[in-house]
Amino acid sequence: MAYIKLISETEADGKLKEIYQNISSKRGKLSNIMKIHSLMPDTMIKHLDLYLSIMFSNSNLSREEKEILAVVVSKLNNCDYCVNHHAEALNYYWKDKNRLKNFIEKLDDSAFGDKFRLAVKYTSKLTTSPSSVLNDDIEELKQIGWTDEDILAINLITSYFNFVNRIALGLGVEFSDDEIKGYKY
């Protein structure tokens, strides 16, 4: 049970009901991380817009890589809600529960190249010790082949999931096996 009041889909009316229906039609269903905004529906719209612009925009990072970074941040923050949601999304690409389980335990995968491992290292550092990120970290990313646009995308994904983890953890957003399945990836 969330720590604050949520307005359910059956209780929603007016603008909130329209927002719920719109999100469900676009995403396949309505997640609890969206419902937590039910008392402030405009923030729900802005939150979803930010999520879609970061995770579904065209960039040199694939959707799979974006989901990997989402899991890294969420695991480092001990956010079970987001780990489970984005592990489910990642497995949409991997289709291998054992590989996924091993990745979540180690936050590494044998299929990652050095370039992507460095992105994971940066994501980890920005999550666990943001004030320790220096220009040298960015230069290291550039030297291995990440562009400024790529680095911005990696930073935004990392920052976004730190933001969402704090919403989920700070307000007690819960998940179930049914709630984490059925979204459009």
N, C-alpha and C. Protein backbone atom coordinates (compact mmCIF):
# COMPACT_ATOMS: atom_id res chain seq x y z
N MET A 1 0.84 -1.18 0.00
CA MET A 1 0.00 0.00 0.00
C MET A 1 0.89 1.25 0.00
N ALA A 2 0.60 2.15 -0.89
CA ALA A 2 1.37 3.41 -0.96
C ALA A 2 1.18 4.20 0.33
N TYR A 3 2.13 5.07 0.62
CA TYR A 3 2.10 5.86 1.84
C TYR A 3 1.13 7.03 1.78
N ILE A 4 0.69 7.38 0.56
CA ILE A 4 -0.28 8.47 0.39
C ILE A 4 -1.50 7.95 -0.37
N LYS A 5 -2.55 8.73 -0.36
CA LYS A 5 -3.79 8.36 -1.06
C LYS A 5 -3.54 8.30 -2.57
N LEU A 6 -4.11 7.27 -3.18
CA LEU A 6 -4.12 7.13 -4.65
C LEU A 6 -5.57 7.11 -5.11
N ILE A 7 -5.82 7.71 -6.23
CA ILE A 7 -7.15 7.63 -6.83
C ILE A 7 -7.08 6.52 -7.88
N SER A 8 -7.87 5.49 -7.67
CA SER A 8 -7.85 4.33 -8.56
C SER A 8 -8.49 4.67 -9.91
N GLU A 9 -8.29 3.80 -10.85
CA GLU A 9 -8.88 4.00 -12.18
C GLU A 9 -10.40 4.01 -12.11
N THR A 10 -10.97 3.20 -11.23
CA THR A 10 -12.44 3.16 -11.12
C THR A 10 -12.99 4.38 -10.39
N GLU A 11 -12.20 5.01 -9.55
CA GLU A 11 -12.63 6.21 -8.81
C GLU A 11 -12.40 7.50 -9.60
N ALA A 12 -11.52 7.44 -10.58
CA ALA A 12 -11.14 8.65 -11.32
C ALA A 12 -12.32 9.19 -12.13
N ASP A 13 -12.39 10.52 -12.20
CA ASP A 13 -13.38 11.15 -13.06
C ASP A 13 -12.77 12.39 -13.69
N GLY A 14 -13.48 12.98 -14.60
CA GLY A 14 -13.03 14.22 -15.24
C GLY A 14 -11.66 14.11 -15.88
N LYS A 15 -10.84 15.12 -15.62
CA LYS A 15 -9.51 15.22 -16.24
C LYS A 15 -8.63 14.01 -15.88
N LEU A 16 -8.68 13.58 -14.62
CA LEU A 16 -7.86 12.44 -14.20
C LEU A 16 -8.26 11.18 -14.96
N LYS A 17 -9.54 10.96 -15.13
CA LYS A 17 -10.00 9.79 -15.88
C LYS A 17 -9.49 9.84 -17.32
N GLU A 18 -9.55 11.01 -17.94
CA GLU A 18 -9.04 11.18 -19.31
C GLU A 18 -7.54 10.88 -19.38
N ILE A 19 -6.79 11.39 -18.40
CA ILE A 19 -5.34 11.15 -18.36
C ILE A 19 -5.06 9.66 -18.21
N TYR A 20 -5.76 9.00 -17.30
CA TYR A 20 -5.59 7.56 -17.10
C TYR A 20 -5.86 6.80 -18.40
N GLN A 21 -6.95 7.14 -19.07
CA GLN A 21 -7.31 6.45 -20.32
C GLN A 21 -6.27 6.71 -21.40
N ASN A 22 -5.77 7.94 -21.49
CA ASN A 22 -4.76 8.29 -22.48
C ASN A 22 -3.46 7.50 -22.24
N ILE A 23 -3.03 7.45 -20.98
CA ILE A 23 -1.80 6.70 -20.66
C ILE A 23 -1.99 5.23 -20.96
N SER A 24 -3.11 4.66 -20.57
CA SER A 24 -3.37 3.24 -20.81
C SER A 24 -3.37 2.91 -22.29
N SER A 25 -3.92 3.81 -23.10
CA SER A 25 -3.95 3.54 -24.54
C SER A 25 -2.56 3.62 -25.17
N LYS A 26 -1.71 4.53 -24.67
CA LYS A 26 -0.35 4.69 -25.21
C LYS A 26 0.61 3.64 -24.68
N ARG A 27 0.51 3.29 -23.41
CA ARG A 27 1.51 2.43 -22.75
C ARG A 27 1.03 0.99 -22.57
N GLY A 28 -0.24 0.71 -22.86
CA GLY A 28 -0.76 -0.64 -22.69
C GLY A 28 -1.51 -0.82 -21.38
N LYS A 29 -1.12 -0.03 -20.38
CA LYS A 29 -1.80 -0.04 -19.08
C LYS A 29 -1.26 1.10 -18.25
N LEU A 30 -1.81 1.27 -17.06
CA LEU A 30 -1.43 2.36 -16.17
C LEU A 30 -0.58 1.79 -15.04
N SER A 31 0.61 2.31 -14.87
CA SER A 31 1.52 1.82 -13.83
C SER A 31 1.24 2.52 -12.50
N ASN A 32 1.68 1.89 -11.44
CA ASN A 32 1.54 2.50 -10.10
C ASN A 32 2.39 3.75 -9.95
N ILE A 33 3.51 3.84 -10.68
CA ILE A 33 4.35 5.04 -10.58
C ILE A 33 3.62 6.24 -11.19
N MET A 34 2.70 6.00 -12.11
CA MET A 34 1.86 7.08 -12.63
C MET A 34 0.72 7.38 -11.66
N LYS A 35 0.11 6.33 -11.12
CA LYS A 35 -1.02 6.53 -10.19
C LYS A 35 -0.61 7.31 -8.95
N ILE A 36 0.66 7.23 -8.56
CA ILE A 36 1.10 7.94 -7.36
C ILE A 36 0.92 9.46 -7.53
N HIS A 37 0.83 9.91 -8.77
CA HIS A 37 0.61 11.33 -9.08
C HIS A 37 -0.87 11.71 -9.11
N SER A 38 -1.76 10.79 -8.78
CA SER A 38 -3.19 11.02 -9.00
C SER A 38 -3.75 12.26 -8.30
N LEU A 39 -3.12 12.70 -7.23
CA LEU A 39 -3.59 13.90 -6.55
C LEU A 39 -3.11 15.18 -7.25
N MET A 40 -2.14 15.03 -8.15
CA MET A 40 -1.60 16.15 -8.93
C MET A 40 -1.46 15.69 -10.39
N PRO A 41 -2.58 15.54 -11.10
CA PRO A 41 -2.55 14.95 -12.45
C PRO A 41 -1.62 15.63 -13.44
N ASP A 42 -1.43 16.93 -13.33
CA ASP A 42 -0.53 17.60 -14.27
C ASP A 42 0.90 17.08 -14.13
N THR A 43 1.31 16.72 -12.91
CA THR A 43 2.66 16.17 -12.74
C THR A 43 2.76 14.80 -13.39
N MET A 44 1.65 14.06 -13.43
CA MET A 44 1.64 12.75 -14.09
C MET A 44 1.93 12.91 -15.58
N ILE A 45 1.29 13.90 -16.19
CA ILE A 45 1.50 14.15 -17.63
C ILE A 45 2.96 14.54 -17.89
N LYS A 46 3.46 15.45 -17.10
CA LYS A 46 4.85 15.91 -17.28
C LYS A 46 5.84 14.78 -17.02
N HIS A 47 5.57 13.97 -16.00
CA HIS A 47 6.44 12.83 -15.71
C HIS A 47 6.47 11.87 -16.89
N LEU A 48 5.31 11.53 -17.42
CA LEU A 48 5.26 10.61 -18.56
C LEU A 48 5.96 11.21 -19.78
N ASP A 49 5.76 12.49 -20.02
CA ASP A 49 6.43 13.15 -21.15
C ASP A 49 7.95 13.07 -21.00
N LEU A 50 8.45 13.30 -19.79
CA LEU A 50 9.89 13.21 -19.54
C LEU A 50 10.39 11.79 -19.78
N TYR A 51 9.68 10.81 -19.24
CA TYR A 51 10.03 9.40 -19.43
C TYR A 51 10.10 9.04 -20.92
N LEU A 52 9.06 9.39 -21.64
CA LEU A 52 9.01 9.05 -23.07
C LEU A 52 10.11 9.75 -23.85
N SER A 53 10.39 11.01 -23.52
CA SER A 53 11.42 11.74 -24.26
C SER A 53 12.81 11.18 -23.99
N ILE A 54 13.04 10.65 -22.81
CA ILE A 54 14.35 10.10 -22.48
C ILE A 54 14.48 8.66 -22.97
N MET A 55 13.46 7.85 -22.72
CA MET A 55 13.59 6.41 -22.99
C MET A 55 13.18 6.00 -24.41
N PHE A 56 12.41 6.81 -25.10
CA PHE A 56 11.94 6.42 -26.43
C PHE A 56 12.41 7.37 -27.54
N SER A 57 13.25 8.32 -27.20
CA SER A 57 13.76 9.23 -28.23
C SER A 57 14.82 8.53 -29.06
N ASN A 58 15.04 9.06 -30.24
CA ASN A 58 16.11 8.55 -31.08
C ASN A 58 17.44 8.97 -30.48
N SER A 59 18.32 8.02 -30.32
CA SER A 59 19.67 8.31 -29.86
C SER A 59 20.56 7.15 -30.27
N ASN A 60 21.84 7.30 -30.01
CA ASN A 60 22.76 6.22 -30.32
C ASN A 60 22.69 5.08 -29.32
N LEU A 61 21.98 5.28 -28.22
CA LEU A 61 21.73 4.20 -27.27
C LEU A 61 20.46 3.48 -27.68
N SER A 62 20.52 2.17 -27.70
CA SER A 62 19.34 1.38 -28.04
C SER A 62 18.37 1.37 -26.87
N ARG A 63 17.13 0.98 -27.11
CA ARG A 63 16.16 0.83 -26.03
C ARG A 63 16.69 -0.19 -25.01
N GLU A 64 17.30 -1.24 -25.49
CA GLU A 64 17.88 -2.26 -24.60
C GLU A 64 18.93 -1.63 -23.68
N GLU A 65 19.83 -0.83 -24.24
CA GLU A 65 20.86 -0.20 -23.42
C GLU A 65 20.26 0.77 -22.41
N LYS A 66 19.22 1.47 -22.81
CA LYS A 66 18.54 2.38 -21.89
C LYS A 66 17.93 1.62 -20.72
N GLU A 67 17.34 0.47 -21.01
CA GLU A 67 16.75 -0.35 -19.94
C GLU A 67 17.83 -0.92 -19.03
N ILE A 68 18.98 -1.26 -19.59
CA ILE A 68 20.10 -1.73 -18.77
C ILE A 68 20.49 -0.65 -17.77
N LEU A 69 20.65 0.57 -18.24
CA LEU A 69 21.02 1.67 -17.35
C LEU A 69 19.94 1.92 -16.30
N ALA A 70 18.68 1.77 -16.68
CA ALA A 70 17.58 1.92 -15.72
C ALA A 70 17.69 0.90 -14.60
N VAL A 71 18.03 -0.32 -14.96
CA VAL A 71 18.17 -1.38 -13.96
C VAL A 71 19.38 -1.11 -13.07
N VAL A 72 20.48 -0.65 -13.65
CA VAL A 72 21.69 -0.35 -12.87
C VAL A 72 21.36 0.69 -11.79
N VAL A 73 20.78 1.81 -12.19
CA VAL A 73 20.45 2.87 -11.23
C VAL A 73 19.51 2.33 -10.15
N SER A 74 18.48 1.64 -10.57
CA SER A 74 17.46 1.17 -9.64
C SER A 74 18.01 0.13 -8.67
N LYS A 75 18.87 -0.73 -9.14
CA LYS A 75 19.49 -1.72 -8.26
C LYS A 75 20.41 -1.03 -7.25
N LEU A 76 21.20 -0.08 -7.70
CA LEU A 76 22.09 0.64 -6.79
C LEU A 76 21.31 1.41 -5.72
N ASN A 77 20.11 1.85 -6.06
CA ASN A 77 19.26 2.57 -5.12
C ASN A 77 18.34 1.65 -4.32
N ASN A 78 18.44 0.34 -4.56
CA ASN A 78 17.57 -0.64 -3.88
C ASN A 78 16.09 -0.35 -4.10
N CYS A 79 15.75 0.06 -5.30
CA CYS A 79 14.36 0.34 -5.65
C CYS A 79 13.77 -0.87 -6.36
N ASP A 80 13.16 -1.75 -5.58
CA ASP A 80 12.60 -2.98 -6.14
C ASP A 80 11.53 -2.70 -7.19
N TYR A 81 10.74 -1.66 -6.98
CA TYR A 81 9.70 -1.32 -7.94
C TYR A 81 10.33 -1.12 -9.33
N CYS A 82 11.32 -0.25 -9.42
CA CYS A 82 11.91 0.07 -10.72
C CYS A 82 12.80 -1.06 -11.25
N VAL A 83 13.51 -1.75 -10.36
CA VAL A 83 14.30 -2.91 -10.82
C VAL A 83 13.38 -3.89 -11.52
N ASN A 84 12.27 -4.23 -10.88
CA ASN A 84 11.37 -5.23 -11.46
C ASN A 84 10.70 -4.75 -12.73
N HIS A 85 10.27 -3.49 -12.76
CA HIS A 85 9.65 -2.96 -13.97
C HIS A 85 10.63 -2.96 -15.14
N HIS A 86 11.83 -2.50 -14.90
CA HIS A 86 12.76 -2.35 -16.02
C HIS A 86 13.51 -3.63 -16.33
N ALA A 87 13.57 -4.55 -15.38
CA ALA A 87 14.06 -5.90 -15.69
C ALA A 87 13.07 -6.59 -16.63
N GLU A 88 11.79 -6.39 -16.38
CA GLU A 88 10.76 -6.95 -17.27
C GLU A 88 10.91 -6.36 -18.67
N ALA A 89 11.13 -5.05 -18.75
CA ALA A 89 11.33 -4.41 -20.06
C ALA A 89 12.61 -4.92 -20.71
N LEU A 90 13.69 -5.06 -19.95
CA LEU A 90 14.95 -5.55 -20.48
C LEU A 90 14.80 -6.98 -20.99
N ASN A 91 14.06 -7.78 -20.28
CA ASN A 91 13.87 -9.17 -20.72
C ASN A 91 13.03 -9.26 -21.99
N TYR A 92 12.29 -8.21 -22.30
CA TYR A 92 11.60 -8.14 -23.58
C TYR A 92 12.62 -8.25 -24.72
N TYR A 93 13.80 -7.69 -24.50
CA TYR A 93 14.88 -7.74 -25.50
C TYR A 93 15.74 -9.00 -25.33
N TRP A 94 16.04 -9.37 -24.12
CA TRP A 94 16.94 -10.50 -23.88
C TRP A 94 16.25 -11.85 -23.98
N LYS A 95 15.04 -11.94 -23.49
CA LYS A 95 14.29 -13.20 -23.46
C LYS A 95 15.10 -14.33 -22.81
N ASP A 96 15.73 -14.00 -21.69
CA ASP A 96 16.59 -14.94 -20.98
C ASP A 96 16.61 -14.57 -19.48
N LYS A 97 15.75 -15.23 -18.72
CA LYS A 97 15.60 -14.91 -17.29
C LYS A 97 16.90 -15.18 -16.51
N ASN A 98 17.66 -16.20 -16.88
CA ASN A 98 18.92 -16.49 -16.18
C ASN A 98 19.94 -15.38 -16.41
N ARG A 99 20.06 -14.95 -17.65
CA ARG A 99 20.97 -13.84 -17.96
C ARG A 99 20.55 -12.60 -17.17
N LEU A 100 19.27 -12.34 -17.14
CA LEU A 100 18.74 -11.18 -16.43
C LEU A 100 19.05 -11.27 -14.94
N LYS A 101 18.82 -12.42 -14.35
CA LYS A 101 19.09 -12.62 -12.92
C LYS A 101 20.57 -12.38 -12.62
N ASN A 102 21.44 -12.94 -13.45
CA ASN A 102 22.89 -12.75 -13.26
C ASN A 102 23.28 -11.28 -13.41
N PHE A 103 22.70 -10.61 -14.37
CA PHE A 103 22.99 -9.19 -14.57
C PHE A 103 22.58 -8.37 -13.34
N ILE A 104 21.39 -8.63 -12.83
CA ILE A 104 20.92 -7.87 -11.67
C ILE A 104 21.83 -8.11 -10.47
N GLU A 105 22.33 -9.31 -10.31
CA GLU A 105 23.24 -9.62 -9.20
C GLU A 105 24.58 -8.92 -9.35
N LYS A 106 25.13 -8.90 -10.58
CA LYS A 106 26.50 -8.40 -10.81
C LYS A 106 26.56 -7.00 -11.42
N LEU A 107 25.46 -6.55 -12.01
CA LEU A 107 25.41 -5.31 -12.79
C LEU A 107 26.48 -5.31 -13.89
N ASP A 108 26.66 -6.47 -14.46
CA ASP A 108 27.59 -6.66 -15.58
C ASP A 108 27.07 -7.84 -16.40
N ASP A 109 27.51 -7.92 -17.64
CA ASP A 109 27.10 -9.00 -18.53
C ASP A 109 28.23 -9.25 -19.51
N SER A 110 28.49 -10.49 -19.79
CA SER A 110 29.61 -10.85 -20.67
C SER A 110 29.44 -10.29 -22.08
N ALA A 111 28.22 -9.97 -22.47
CA ALA A 111 27.99 -9.43 -23.81
C ALA A 111 28.34 -7.94 -23.92
N PHE A 112 28.54 -7.27 -22.79
CA PHE A 112 28.86 -5.84 -22.83
C PHE A 112 30.29 -5.65 -23.33
N GLY A 113 30.46 -4.72 -24.23
CA GLY A 113 31.80 -4.33 -24.65
C GLY A 113 32.37 -3.29 -23.71
N ASP A 114 33.62 -2.97 -23.90
CA ASP A 114 34.29 -1.99 -23.03
C ASP A 114 33.59 -0.63 -23.06
N LYS A 115 33.12 -0.25 -24.24
CA LYS A 115 32.47 1.05 -24.38
C LYS A 115 31.22 1.13 -23.51
N PHE A 116 30.38 0.10 -23.57
CA PHE A 116 29.15 0.14 -22.78
C PHE A 116 29.45 -0.05 -21.29
N ARG A 117 30.44 -0.86 -20.98
CA ARG A 117 30.85 -1.01 -19.56
C ARG A 117 31.24 0.33 -18.95
N LEU A 118 31.88 1.17 -19.73
CA LEU A 118 32.28 2.49 -19.23
C LEU A 118 31.03 3.36 -18.98
N ALA A 119 30.02 3.21 -19.83
CA ALA A 119 28.76 3.93 -19.60
C ALA A 119 28.11 3.45 -18.29
N VAL A 120 28.16 2.16 -18.04
CA VAL A 120 27.62 1.60 -16.79
C VAL A 120 28.43 2.12 -15.60
N LYS A 121 29.74 2.19 -15.76
CA LYS A 121 30.60 2.72 -14.68
C LYS A 121 30.23 4.17 -14.37
N TYR A 122 30.06 4.98 -15.40
CA TYR A 122 29.67 6.38 -15.21
C TYR A 122 28.30 6.46 -14.53
N THR A 123 27.34 5.67 -15.00
CA THR A 123 26.00 5.64 -14.42
C THR A 123 26.07 5.28 -12.94
N SER A 124 26.90 4.30 -12.61
CA SER A 124 27.05 3.86 -11.22
C SER A 124 27.64 4.98 -10.36
N LYS A 125 28.66 5.63 -10.88
CA LYS A 125 29.30 6.71 -10.12
C LYS A 125 28.35 7.88 -9.93
N LEU A 126 27.63 8.26 -10.99
CA LEU A 126 26.69 9.37 -10.89
C LEU A 126 25.56 9.05 -9.90
N THR A 127 25.21 7.79 -9.80
CA THR A 127 24.15 7.37 -8.87
C THR A 127 24.63 7.33 -7.43
N THR A 128 25.80 6.76 -7.21
CA THR A 128 26.25 6.53 -5.83
C THR A 128 27.08 7.66 -5.24
N SER A 129 27.71 8.45 -6.12
CA SER A 129 28.59 9.52 -5.63
C SER A 129 28.61 10.67 -6.63
N PRO A 130 27.48 11.33 -6.84
CA PRO A 130 27.39 12.34 -7.91
C PRO A 130 28.41 13.46 -7.80
N SER A 131 28.76 13.87 -6.61
CA SER A 131 29.72 14.98 -6.48
C SER A 131 31.14 14.57 -6.86
N SER A 132 31.37 13.27 -7.02
CA SER A 132 32.72 12.82 -7.40
C SER A 132 32.90 12.74 -8.92
N VAL A 133 31.83 12.95 -9.69
CA VAL A 133 31.95 12.94 -11.15
C VAL A 133 32.70 14.20 -11.58
N LEU A 134 33.74 13.98 -12.37
CA LEU A 134 34.59 15.08 -12.83
C LEU A 134 34.69 15.09 -14.34
N ASN A 135 35.27 16.14 -14.86
CA ASN A 135 35.50 16.24 -16.29
C ASN A 135 36.28 15.03 -16.81
N ASP A 136 37.19 14.50 -16.01
CA ASP A 136 37.97 13.32 -16.42
C ASP A 136 37.05 12.14 -16.76
N ASP A 137 35.96 11.99 -16.02
CA ASP A 137 35.01 10.91 -16.30
C ASP A 137 34.38 11.10 -17.68
N ILE A 138 34.05 12.33 -18.00
CA ILE A 138 33.45 12.63 -19.30
C ILE A 138 34.48 12.44 -20.42
N GLU A 139 35.69 12.88 -20.19
CA GLU A 139 36.76 12.71 -21.19
C GLU A 139 37.02 11.23 -21.46
N GLU A 140 36.95 10.42 -20.41
CA GLU A 140 37.14 8.96 -20.58
C GLU A 140 36.03 8.39 -21.47
N LEU A 141 34.81 8.85 -21.27
CA LEU A 141 33.70 8.40 -22.12
C LEU A 141 33.92 8.82 -23.58
N LYS A 142 34.38 10.05 -23.76
CA LYS A 142 34.64 10.54 -25.12
C LYS A 142 35.76 9.75 -25.79
N GLN A 143 36.80 9.46 -25.04
CA GLN A 143 37.96 8.75 -25.61
C GLN A 143 37.60 7.35 -26.08
N ILE A 144 36.60 6.74 -25.45
CA ILE A 144 36.22 5.39 -25.86
C ILE A 144 35.18 5.41 -26.98
N GLY A 145 34.69 6.64 -27.33
CA GLY A 145 33.82 6.74 -28.49
C GLY A 145 32.42 7.28 -28.26
N TRP A 146 32.08 7.62 -27.02
CA TRP A 146 30.78 8.23 -26.78
C TRP A 146 30.83 9.70 -27.18
N THR A 147 29.78 10.17 -27.86
CA THR A 147 29.70 11.57 -28.27
C THR A 147 29.09 12.39 -27.13
N ASP A 148 29.15 13.70 -27.26
CA ASP A 148 28.52 14.57 -26.27
C ASP A 148 27.02 14.26 -26.16
N GLU A 149 26.37 14.04 -27.28
CA GLU A 149 24.94 13.70 -27.28
C GLU A 149 24.71 12.38 -26.54
N ASP A 150 25.56 11.41 -26.77
CA ASP A 150 25.44 10.12 -26.08
C ASP A 150 25.61 10.30 -24.57
N ILE A 151 26.59 11.09 -24.19
CA ILE A 151 26.88 11.32 -22.77
C ILE A 151 25.70 12.04 -22.11
N LEU A 152 25.12 12.99 -22.82
CA LEU A 152 23.92 13.66 -22.30
C LEU A 152 22.80 12.64 -22.10
N ALA A 153 22.60 11.76 -23.08
CA ALA A 153 21.54 10.74 -22.97
C ALA A 153 21.81 9.82 -21.77
N ILE A 154 23.04 9.38 -21.60
CA ILE A 154 23.40 8.52 -20.46
C ILE A 154 23.14 9.26 -19.15
N ASN A 155 23.52 10.52 -19.09
CA ASN A 155 23.31 11.32 -17.89
C ASN A 155 21.82 11.49 -17.60
N LEU A 156 21.04 11.80 -18.62
CA LEU A 156 19.61 12.01 -18.43
C LEU A 156 18.91 10.74 -17.98
N ILE A 157 19.27 9.60 -18.55
CA ILE A 157 18.70 8.32 -18.12
C ILE A 157 19.03 8.08 -16.65
N THR A 158 20.28 8.26 -16.31
CA THR A 158 20.72 8.07 -14.93
C THR A 158 19.99 9.01 -13.98
N SER A 159 19.94 10.27 -14.34
CA SER A 159 19.28 11.27 -13.49
C SER A 159 17.79 11.01 -13.37
N TYR A 160 17.15 10.65 -14.47
CA TYR A 160 15.73 10.35 -14.44
C TYR A 160 15.43 9.20 -13.49
N PHE A 161 16.20 8.13 -13.57
CA PHE A 161 15.89 6.97 -12.72
C PHE A 161 16.23 7.22 -11.26
N ASN A 162 17.20 8.07 -10.98
CA ASN A 162 17.42 8.47 -9.60
C ASN A 162 16.19 9.24 -9.09
N PHE A 163 15.64 10.10 -9.90
CA PHE A 163 14.42 10.84 -9.58
C PHE A 163 13.25 9.89 -9.32
N VAL A 164 13.02 8.96 -10.23
CA VAL A 164 11.88 8.06 -10.11
C VAL A 164 12.06 7.10 -8.93
N ASN A 165 13.29 6.63 -8.72
CA ASN A 165 13.53 5.75 -7.58
C ASN A 165 13.13 6.44 -6.29
N ARG A 166 13.40 7.73 -6.19
CA ARG A 166 13.06 8.46 -4.97
C ARG A 166 11.55 8.66 -4.83
N ILE A 167 10.84 8.79 -5.93
CA ILE A 167 9.38 8.84 -5.86
C ILE A 167 8.87 7.49 -5.35
N ALA A 168 9.32 6.42 -5.98
CA ALA A 168 8.84 5.07 -5.62
C ALA A 168 9.18 4.72 -4.17
N LEU A 169 10.43 4.95 -3.79
CA LEU A 169 10.86 4.61 -2.43
C LEU A 169 10.24 5.55 -1.39
N GLY A 170 10.20 6.82 -1.69
CA GLY A 170 9.71 7.81 -0.74
C GLY A 170 8.22 7.79 -0.51
N LEU A 171 7.46 7.22 -1.45
CA LEU A 171 6.00 7.18 -1.32
C LEU A 171 5.45 5.77 -1.25
N GLY A 172 6.35 4.77 -1.17
CA GLY A 172 5.90 3.39 -0.99
C GLY A 172 5.16 2.82 -2.19
N VAL A 173 5.60 3.14 -3.40
CA VAL A 173 4.95 2.61 -4.60
C VAL A 173 5.26 1.11 -4.69
N GLU A 174 4.22 0.32 -4.81
CA GLU A 174 4.36 -1.14 -4.83
C GLU A 174 4.13 -1.69 -6.23
N PHE A 175 4.54 -2.94 -6.39
CA PHE A 175 4.33 -3.65 -7.64
C PHE A 175 3.86 -5.06 -7.32
N SER A 176 3.30 -5.68 -8.33
CA SER A 176 2.96 -7.11 -8.28
C SER A 176 3.41 -7.71 -9.60
N ASP A 177 3.41 -9.02 -9.68
CA ASP A 177 3.79 -9.67 -10.94
C ASP A 177 2.89 -9.19 -12.08
N ASP A 178 1.63 -9.03 -11.81
CA ASP A 178 0.70 -8.57 -12.84
C ASP A 178 0.95 -7.11 -13.22
N GLU A 179 1.27 -6.29 -12.23
CA GLU A 179 1.45 -4.85 -12.48
C GLU A 179 2.68 -4.57 -13.34
N ILE A 180 3.71 -5.41 -13.28
CA ILE A 180 4.94 -5.13 -14.06
C ILE A 180 4.88 -5.68 -15.49
N LYS A 181 3.84 -6.38 -15.83
CA LYS A 181 3.72 -6.97 -17.17
C LYS A 181 2.68 -6.25 -18.01
N GLY A 182 2.87 -6.33 -19.34
CA GLY A 182 1.84 -5.87 -20.24
C GLY A 182 2.00 -4.48 -20.80
N TYR A 183 3.18 -3.89 -20.64
CA TYR A 183 3.41 -2.54 -21.16
C TYR A 183 3.94 -2.60 -22.60
N LYS A 184 3.78 -1.51 -23.31
CA LYS A 184 4.33 -1.41 -24.67
C LYS A 184 5.77 -0.94 -24.59
N TYR A 185 6.68 -1.73 -25.17
CA TYR A 185 8.09 -1.40 -25.16
C TYR A 185 8.52 -0.94 -26.52
